[in-house]
Structure formats: structure tokens, C-alpha cells
Amino acid sequence: MASDIAVLRTNEPGSDKETLYMLGGIAMIVFGTGLVISSPFIRRYMSQLGVGNLAQTVLPDVERYLKLRAM
């Protein structure tokens, strides 16, 4: 009986609404991040911090992890 209730709850119209809100929130976060990063002031500040160098430093480690995972 409890499994029947769980099935009914996942098929409620509210679950679609919650999923839509979640995806909309993620889209807003990605869009907002793009707006912030596209600002010339923020780009200049990030270049002073060396964020680009950090990405270049991490890339070989990520590639090594993916090779180990593929084994």
C-alpha cells in the first residue's frame, strides 16, 4: 500500500511544477554567471587573480583521472 502512495505522489501535477522551477533556477544561475563573467571589470580582476592559470593547472589532473577511470 505504501508503494501505491509513492507512485501516486510522483505522478501528481506538483512534481512537474517543481521540476520546472528547479530547471528554471539552474538556467538563471548559468545566465547570471555568464553576465558576471562577461563584464570587463570582472575579467580584469580574474586575470589578476590568475584564474586562467588555475584552469591550465587542473586540466592535466582531470585528463589523468579520466584515463584511470576508463581502465
Protein backbone atom coordinates (compact mmCIF):
# COMPACT_ATOMS: atom_id res chain seq x y z
CA MET A 1 0.00 0.00 0.00
CA ALA A 2 2.85 2.40 0.76
CA SER A 3 4.32 1.84 -2.69
CA ASP A 4 0.96 2.76 -4.25
CA ILE A 5 1.00 6.07 -2.39
CA ALA A 6 4.57 6.77 -3.54
CA VAL A 7 3.59 6.13 -7.16
CA LEU A 8 0.63 8.48 -6.85
CA ARG A 9 2.78 11.21 -5.33
CA THR A 10 5.34 11.11 -8.15
CA ASN A 11 2.57 11.46 -10.73
CA GLU A 12 0.99 14.50 -9.10
CA PRO A 13 0.91 17.70 -11.15
CA GLY A 14 3.02 19.43 -8.49
CA SER A 15 6.08 17.33 -9.26
CA ASP A 16 6.18 18.69 -12.83
CA LYS A 17 5.87 22.21 -11.48
CA GLU A 18 8.73 21.65 -9.02
CA THR A 19 10.92 20.24 -11.79
CA LEU A 20 10.18 23.27 -13.94
CA TYR A 21 11.12 25.60 -11.08
CA MET A 22 14.35 23.69 -10.49
CA LEU A 23 15.37 23.81 -14.17
CA GLY A 24 14.42 27.49 -14.36
CA GLY A 25 16.57 28.21 -11.32
CA ILE A 26 19.55 26.40 -12.84
CA ALA A 27 19.08 28.34 -16.08
CA MET A 28 19.02 31.62 -14.17
CA ILE A 29 22.22 30.70 -12.32
CA VAL A 30 24.02 29.85 -15.58
CA PHE A 31 22.75 33.03 -17.25
CA GLY A 32 23.73 35.18 -14.26
CA THR A 33 27.19 33.65 -14.16
CA GLY A 34 27.61 34.40 -17.86
CA LEU A 35 26.60 38.01 -17.31
CA VAL A 36 29.04 38.43 -14.44
CA ILE A 37 31.94 36.82 -16.30
CA SER A 38 31.27 38.89 -19.45
CA SER A 39 31.86 42.12 -17.51
CA PRO A 40 35.24 43.69 -18.46
CA PHE A 41 35.87 44.69 -14.83
CA ILE A 42 35.36 41.14 -13.58
CA ARG A 43 37.53 39.72 -16.38
CA ARG A 44 40.35 42.09 -15.45
CA TYR A 45 40.02 41.14 -11.79
CA MET A 46 40.03 37.41 -12.59
CA SER A 47 43.13 37.77 -14.75
CA GLN A 48 44.91 39.45 -11.83
CA LEU A 49 43.97 36.54 -9.59
CA GLY A 50 45.24 34.02 -12.13
CA VAL A 51 42.02 32.06 -12.55
CA GLY A 52 43.02 31.14 -16.12
CA ASN A 53 46.28 29.69 -14.84
CA LEU A 54 44.33 27.60 -12.35
CA ALA A 55 42.32 26.01 -15.17
CA GLN A 56 45.52 25.17 -17.06
CA THR A 57 46.99 23.62 -13.91
CA VAL A 58 43.95 21.44 -13.20
CA LEU A 59 43.44 20.17 -16.76
CA PRO A 60 46.25 17.53 -16.73
CA ASP A 61 44.90 16.11 -13.47
CA VAL A 62 41.41 15.80 -14.94
CA GLU A 63 42.78 14.07 -18.04
CA ARG A 64 44.74 11.62 -15.86
CA TYR A 65 41.60 10.89 -13.82
CA LEU A 66 39.56 10.20 -16.94
CA LYS A 67 42.24 7.80 -18.25
CA LEU A 68 42.30 5.92 -14.94
CA ARG A 69 38.52 5.74 -14.89
CA ALA A 70 38.42 4.32 -18.42
CA MET A 71 40.63 1.39 -17.43
